[in-house]
Amino acid sequence: GVQTCALPIWADLDWAAAETAYRRAWAFDARSYRIPLAVGDFFLARATWDQPERVNFAQTALRWFDRAYTRNPYATEALIKMGRVQDLLGRREQALERYQRALDADPRNAAFHTQLALHYLRWDKTAEARRMFQRALSLDPNDETAAVELQRLGESDS
């Protein structure tokens, strides 16, 4: 698949140097919520690429996203990222709780509805996914992910 094609690129990535740079940034400004979001994204990327260490990297990403949210509880994108990690770890209920908290905080965010819809798709909740994709499109008619997924589900306006 995609990972097999990308293995030569993955082999050239200097994960240790990147991690060192992120940790230096964190040491410089531990009050920032943006740095832990970036570090969480870094570890989530590692979890995606490194199958044997997937769980460890995903759990590390989760801790960094939690730090970001703790520093700025208005950074609801951290909740969405935590939900994605929980999904990766197979923790359906914890993921759902994070997505719902993000939507409670920002109910008109189309991207959040799309993320919740993708969660429902992962867990074979097609009707709920369809409803969330429809809501996302009603909020943002340009949400390509929602439009494509609705088409895949057999619901297209064209």
C-alpha atoms as a PDB file:
ATOM      1  CA  GLY A   1       0.000   0.000   0.000  1.00  0.00           C
ATOM      2  CA  VAL A   2       0.920   3.613   0.499  1.00  0.00           C
ATOM      3  CA  GLN A   3       3.332   2.846   3.321  1.00  0.00           C
ATOM      4  CA  THR A   4       5.241   0.363   1.167  1.00  0.00           C
ATOM      5  CA  CYS A   5       5.655   2.986  -1.559  1.00  0.00           C
ATOM      6  CA  ALA A   6       6.767   5.544   1.003  1.00  0.00           C
ATOM      7  CA  LEU A   7       9.263   3.308   2.832  1.00  0.00           C
ATOM      8  CA  PRO A   8      12.284   4.889   1.107  1.00  0.00           C
ATOM      9  CA  ILE A   9      11.129   8.319   2.315  1.00  0.00           C
ATOM     10  CA  TRP A  10      10.392   7.017   5.805  1.00  0.00           C
ATOM     11  CA  ALA A  11      13.858   5.483   6.053  1.00  0.00           C
ATOM     12  CA  ASP A  12      15.413   8.889   5.329  1.00  0.00           C
ATOM     13  CA  LEU A  13      13.453  10.747   8.007  1.00  0.00           C
ATOM     14  CA  ASP A  14      15.531  11.843  10.957  1.00  0.00           C
ATOM     15  CA  TRP A  15      12.963  11.281  13.699  1.00  0.00           C
ATOM     16  CA  ALA A  16      15.494  11.754  16.496  1.00  0.00           C
ATOM     17  CA  ALA A  17      16.578  15.182  15.223  1.00  0.00           C
ATOM     18  CA  ALA A  18      12.965  16.257  14.807  1.00  0.00           C
ATOM     19  CA  GLU A  19      12.094  15.100  18.314  1.00  0.00           C
ATOM     20  CA  THR A  20      15.092  16.969  19.719  1.00  0.00           C
ATOM     21  CA  ALA A  21      13.975  20.156  17.968  1.00  0.00           C
ATOM     22  CA  TYR A  22      10.436  19.834  19.307  1.00  0.00           C
ATOM     23  CA  ARG A  23      11.672  19.208  22.842  1.00  0.00           C
ATOM     24  CA  ARG A  24      13.927  22.276  22.626  1.00  0.00           C
ATOM     25  CA  ALA A  25      10.954  24.365  21.572  1.00  0.00           C
ATOM     26  CA  TRP A  26       8.994  22.990  24.519  1.00  0.00           C
ATOM     27  CA  ALA A  27      11.841  23.770  26.918  1.00  0.00           C
ATOM     28  CA  PHE A  28      11.942  27.308  25.550  1.00  0.00           C
ATOM     29  CA  ASP A  29       8.214  27.976  26.006  1.00  0.00           C
ATOM     30  CA  ALA A  30       6.383  25.390  28.095  1.00  0.00           C
ATOM     31  CA  ARG A  31       3.358  27.695  28.422  1.00  0.00           C
ATOM     32  CA  SER A  32       2.487  27.568  24.737  1.00  0.00           C
ATOM     33  CA  TYR A  33      -0.328  25.284  23.666  1.00  0.00           C
ATOM     34  CA  ARG A  34       0.814  25.296  20.036  1.00  0.00           C
ATOM     35  CA  ILE A  35       4.070  23.496  20.777  1.00  0.00           C
ATOM     36  CA  PRO A  36       2.436  20.479  22.438  1.00  0.00           C
ATOM     37  CA  LEU A  37      -0.053  20.335  19.550  1.00  0.00           C
ATOM     38  CA  ALA A  38       2.873  20.137  17.134  1.00  0.00           C
ATOM     39  CA  VAL A  39       4.693  17.565  19.274  1.00  0.00           C
ATOM     40  CA  GLY A  40       1.501  15.512  19.442  1.00  0.00           C
ATOM     41  CA  ASP A  41       1.208  15.667  15.646  1.00  0.00           C
ATOM     42  CA  PHE A  42       4.827  14.517  15.409  1.00  0.00           C
ATOM     43  CA  PHE A  43       4.206  11.469  17.603  1.00  0.00           C
ATOM     44  CA  LEU A  44       0.944  10.712  15.804  1.00  0.00           C
ATOM     45  CA  ALA A  45       2.883  10.691  12.521  1.00  0.00           C
ATOM     46  CA  ARG A  46       5.394   8.317  14.077  1.00  0.00           C
ATOM     47  CA  ALA A  47       2.559   6.075  15.240  1.00  0.00           C
ATOM     48  CA  THR A  48       1.266   5.999  11.686  1.00  0.00           C
ATOM     49  CA  TRP A  49       4.633   4.946  10.268  1.00  0.00           C
ATOM     50  CA  ASP A  50       6.058   2.710  12.953  1.00  0.00           C
ATOM     51  CA  GLN A  51       3.861  -0.356  13.357  1.00  0.00           C
ATOM     52  CA  PRO A  52       5.862  -2.047  16.161  1.00  0.00           C
ATOM     53  CA  GLU A  53       5.817   1.133  18.271  1.00  0.00           C
ATOM     54  CA  ARG A  54       2.371   2.359  17.193  1.00  0.00           C
ATOM     55  CA  VAL A  55       0.754   2.102  20.620  1.00  0.00           C
ATOM     56  CA  ASN A  56       3.634   3.779  22.456  1.00  0.00           C
ATOM     57  CA  PHE A  57       3.807   6.658  19.981  1.00  0.00           C
ATOM     58  CA  ALA A  58       0.021   7.052  19.968  1.00  0.00           C
ATOM     59  CA  GLN A  59      -0.083   7.204  23.767  1.00  0.00           C
ATOM     60  CA  THR A  60       2.722   9.774  23.731  1.00  0.00           C
ATOM     61  CA  ALA A  61       0.797  11.829  21.172  1.00  0.00           C
ATOM     62  CA  LEU A  62      -2.267  11.654  23.392  1.00  0.00           C
ATOM     63  CA  ARG A  63      -0.308  13.030  26.367  1.00  0.00           C
ATOM     64  CA  TRP A  64       0.986  15.938  24.274  1.00  0.00           C
ATOM     65  CA  PHE A  65      -2.493  16.781  22.958  1.00  0.00           C
ATOM     66  CA  ASP A  66      -3.758  16.704  26.540  1.00  0.00           C
ATOM     67  CA  ARG A  67      -1.006  19.159  27.535  1.00  0.00           C
ATOM     68  CA  ALA A  68      -2.082  21.480  24.734  1.00  0.00           C
ATOM     69  CA  TYR A  69      -5.709  21.368  25.838  1.00  0.00           C
ATOM     70  CA  THR A  70      -4.757  21.872  29.481  1.00  0.00           C
ATOM     71  CA  ARG A  71      -2.835  25.010  28.536  1.00  0.00           C
ATOM     72  CA  ASN A  72      -5.647  26.337  26.358  1.00  0.00           C
ATOM     73  CA  PRO A  73      -9.112  24.851  26.894  1.00  0.00           C
ATOM     74  CA  TYR A  74     -10.340  26.915  23.929  1.00  0.00           C
ATOM     75  CA  ALA A  75      -8.055  24.911  21.617  1.00  0.00           C
ATOM     76  CA  THR A  76     -10.780  22.446  20.776  1.00  0.00           C
ATOM     77  CA  GLU A  77      -8.742  21.064  17.876  1.00  0.00           C
ATOM     78  CA  ALA A  78      -6.742  19.313  20.605  1.00  0.00           C
ATOM     79  CA  LEU A  79      -9.905  17.394  21.532  1.00  0.00           C
ATOM     80  CA  ILE A  80     -10.360  16.318  17.921  1.00  0.00           C
ATOM     81  CA  LYS A  81      -6.744  15.162  17.774  1.00  0.00           C
ATOM     82  CA  MET A  82      -7.220  13.243  21.026  1.00  0.00           C
ATOM     83  CA  GLY A  83     -10.297  11.611  19.519  1.00  0.00           C
ATOM     84  CA  ARG A  84      -8.318  10.544  16.461  1.00  0.00           C
ATOM     85  CA  VAL A  85      -5.640   8.976  18.670  1.00  0.00           C
ATOM     86  CA  GLN A  86      -8.253   7.209  20.780  1.00  0.00           C
ATOM     87  CA  ASP A  87      -9.724   5.822  17.548  1.00  0.00           C
ATOM     88  CA  LEU A  88      -6.270   4.642  16.479  1.00  0.00           C
ATOM     89  CA  LEU A  89      -5.921   2.868  19.823  1.00  0.00           C
ATOM     90  CA  GLY A  90      -9.336   1.228  19.407  1.00  0.00           C
ATOM     91  CA  ARG A  91     -10.915   3.172  22.257  1.00  0.00           C
ATOM     92  CA  ARG A  92     -14.269   3.928  20.693  1.00  0.00           C
ATOM     93  CA  GLU A  93     -16.050   5.447  23.687  1.00  0.00           C
ATOM     94  CA  GLN A  94     -13.137   7.687  24.708  1.00  0.00           C
ATOM     95  CA  ALA A  95     -12.822   8.892  21.113  1.00  0.00           C
ATOM     96  CA  LEU A  96     -16.541   9.651  20.896  1.00  0.00           C
ATOM     97  CA  GLU A  97     -16.390  11.605  24.146  1.00  0.00           C
ATOM     98  CA  ARG A  98     -13.554  13.811  22.797  1.00  0.00           C
ATOM     99  CA  TYR A  99     -15.377  14.493  19.525  1.00  0.00           C
ATOM    100  CA  GLN A 100     -18.585  15.351  21.363  1.00  0.00           C
ATOM    101  CA  ARG A 101     -16.774  17.708  23.742  1.00  0.00           C
ATOM    102  CA  ALA A 102     -15.239  19.509  20.761  1.00  0.00           C
ATOM    103  CA  LEU A 103     -18.645  19.825  19.118  1.00  0.00           C
ATOM    104  CA  ASP A 104     -20.231  21.031  22.342  1.00  0.00           C
ATOM    105  CA  ALA A 105     -17.619  23.798  22.439  1.00  0.00           C
ATOM    106  CA  ASP A 106     -17.892  24.662  18.726  1.00  0.00           C
ATOM    107  CA  PRO A 107     -21.134  23.248  17.283  1.00  0.00           C
ATOM    108  CA  ARG A 108     -20.854  25.182  14.007  1.00  0.00           C
ATOM    109  CA  ASN A 109     -17.445  23.791  13.105  1.00  0.00           C
ATOM    110  CA  ALA A 110     -17.996  21.719   9.964  1.00  0.00           C
ATOM    111  CA  ALA A 111     -14.590  20.037  10.244  1.00  0.00           C
ATOM    112  CA  PHE A 112     -15.485  18.750  13.703  1.00  0.00           C
ATOM    113  CA  HIS A 113     -18.720  17.234  12.358  1.00  0.00           C
ATOM    114  CA  THR A 114     -16.685  15.585   9.604  1.00  0.00           C
ATOM    115  CA  GLN A 115     -14.243  14.117  12.125  1.00  0.00           C
ATOM    116  CA  LEU A 116     -17.116  12.714  14.174  1.00  0.00           C
ATOM    117  CA  ALA A 117     -18.618  11.274  10.979  1.00  0.00           C
ATOM    118  CA  LEU A 118     -15.293   9.584  10.153  1.00  0.00           C
ATOM    119  CA  HIS A 119     -15.292   8.147  13.684  1.00  0.00           C
ATOM    120  CA  TYR A 120     -18.748   6.699  13.093  1.00  0.00           C
ATOM    121  CA  LEU A 121     -17.594   5.197   9.789  1.00  0.00           C
ATOM    122  CA  ARG A 122     -14.637   3.536  11.509  1.00  0.00           C
ATOM    123  CA  TRP A 123     -17.045   1.826  13.863  1.00  0.00           C
ATOM    124  CA  ASP A 124     -19.648   0.873  11.220  1.00  0.00           C
ATOM    125  CA  LYS A 125     -22.233   3.424  12.329  1.00  0.00           C
ATOM    126  CA  THR A 126     -23.256   4.396   8.804  1.00  0.00           C
ATOM    127  CA  ALA A 127     -26.500   6.206   9.631  1.00  0.00           C
ATOM    128  CA  GLU A 128     -24.790   8.388  12.240  1.00  0.00           C
ATOM    129  CA  ALA A 129     -21.888   9.055   9.848  1.00  0.00           C
ATOM    130  CA  ARG A 130     -24.264  10.101   7.084  1.00  0.00           C
ATOM    131  CA  ARG A 131     -26.084  12.483   9.434  1.00  0.00           C
ATOM    132  CA  MET A 132     -22.806  14.096  10.554  1.00  0.00           C
ATOM    133  CA  PHE A 133     -21.507  14.433   6.984  1.00  0.00           C
ATOM    134  CA  GLN A 134     -24.806  16.086   6.004  1.00  0.00           C
ATOM    135  CA  ARG A 135     -24.489  18.479   8.938  1.00  0.00           C
ATOM    136  CA  ALA A 136     -20.893  19.296   7.959  1.00  0.00           C
ATOM    137  CA  LEU A 137     -21.986  20.113   4.417  1.00  0.00           C
ATOM    138  CA  SER A 138     -24.849  22.264   5.669  1.00  0.00           C
ATOM    139  CA  LEU A 139     -22.290  24.289   7.633  1.00  0.00           C
ATOM    140  CA  ASP A 140     -19.641  24.302   4.915  1.00  0.00           C
ATOM    141  CA  PRO A 141     -20.745  23.362   1.395  1.00  0.00           C
ATOM    142  CA  ASN A 142     -17.046  23.214   0.413  1.00  0.00           C
ATOM    143  CA  ASP A 143     -16.186  20.402   2.859  1.00  0.00           C
ATOM    144  CA  GLU A 144     -14.663  18.009   0.328  1.00  0.00           C
ATOM    145  CA  THR A 145     -14.232  15.126   2.757  1.00  0.00           C
ATOM    146  CA  ALA A 146     -17.900  15.200   3.735  1.00  0.00           C
ATOM    147  CA  ALA A 147     -18.987  15.431   0.094  1.00  0.00           C
ATOM    148  CA  VAL A 148     -16.761  12.535  -1.007  1.00  0.00           C
ATOM    149  CA  GLU A 149     -17.796  10.335   1.899  1.00  0.00           C
ATOM    150  CA  LEU A 150     -21.487  10.998   1.308  1.00  0.00           C
ATOM    151  CA  GLN A 151     -20.961  10.047  -2.315  1.00  0.00           C
ATOM    152  CA  ARG A 152     -19.272   6.829  -1.206  1.00  0.00           C
ATOM    153  CA  LEU A 153     -22.244   6.160   1.027  1.00  0.00           C
ATOM    154  CA  GLY A 154     -24.475   6.496  -2.045  1.00  0.00           C
ATOM    155  CA  GLU A 155     -25.822   9.945  -1.351  1.00  0.00           C
ATOM    156  CA  SER A 156     -24.868  12.537  -3.921  1.00  0.00           C
ATOM    157  CA  ASP A 157     -26.602  15.712  -4.992  1.00  0.00           C
ATOM    158  CA  SER A 158     -25.239  15.356  -8.541  1.00  0.00           C
END
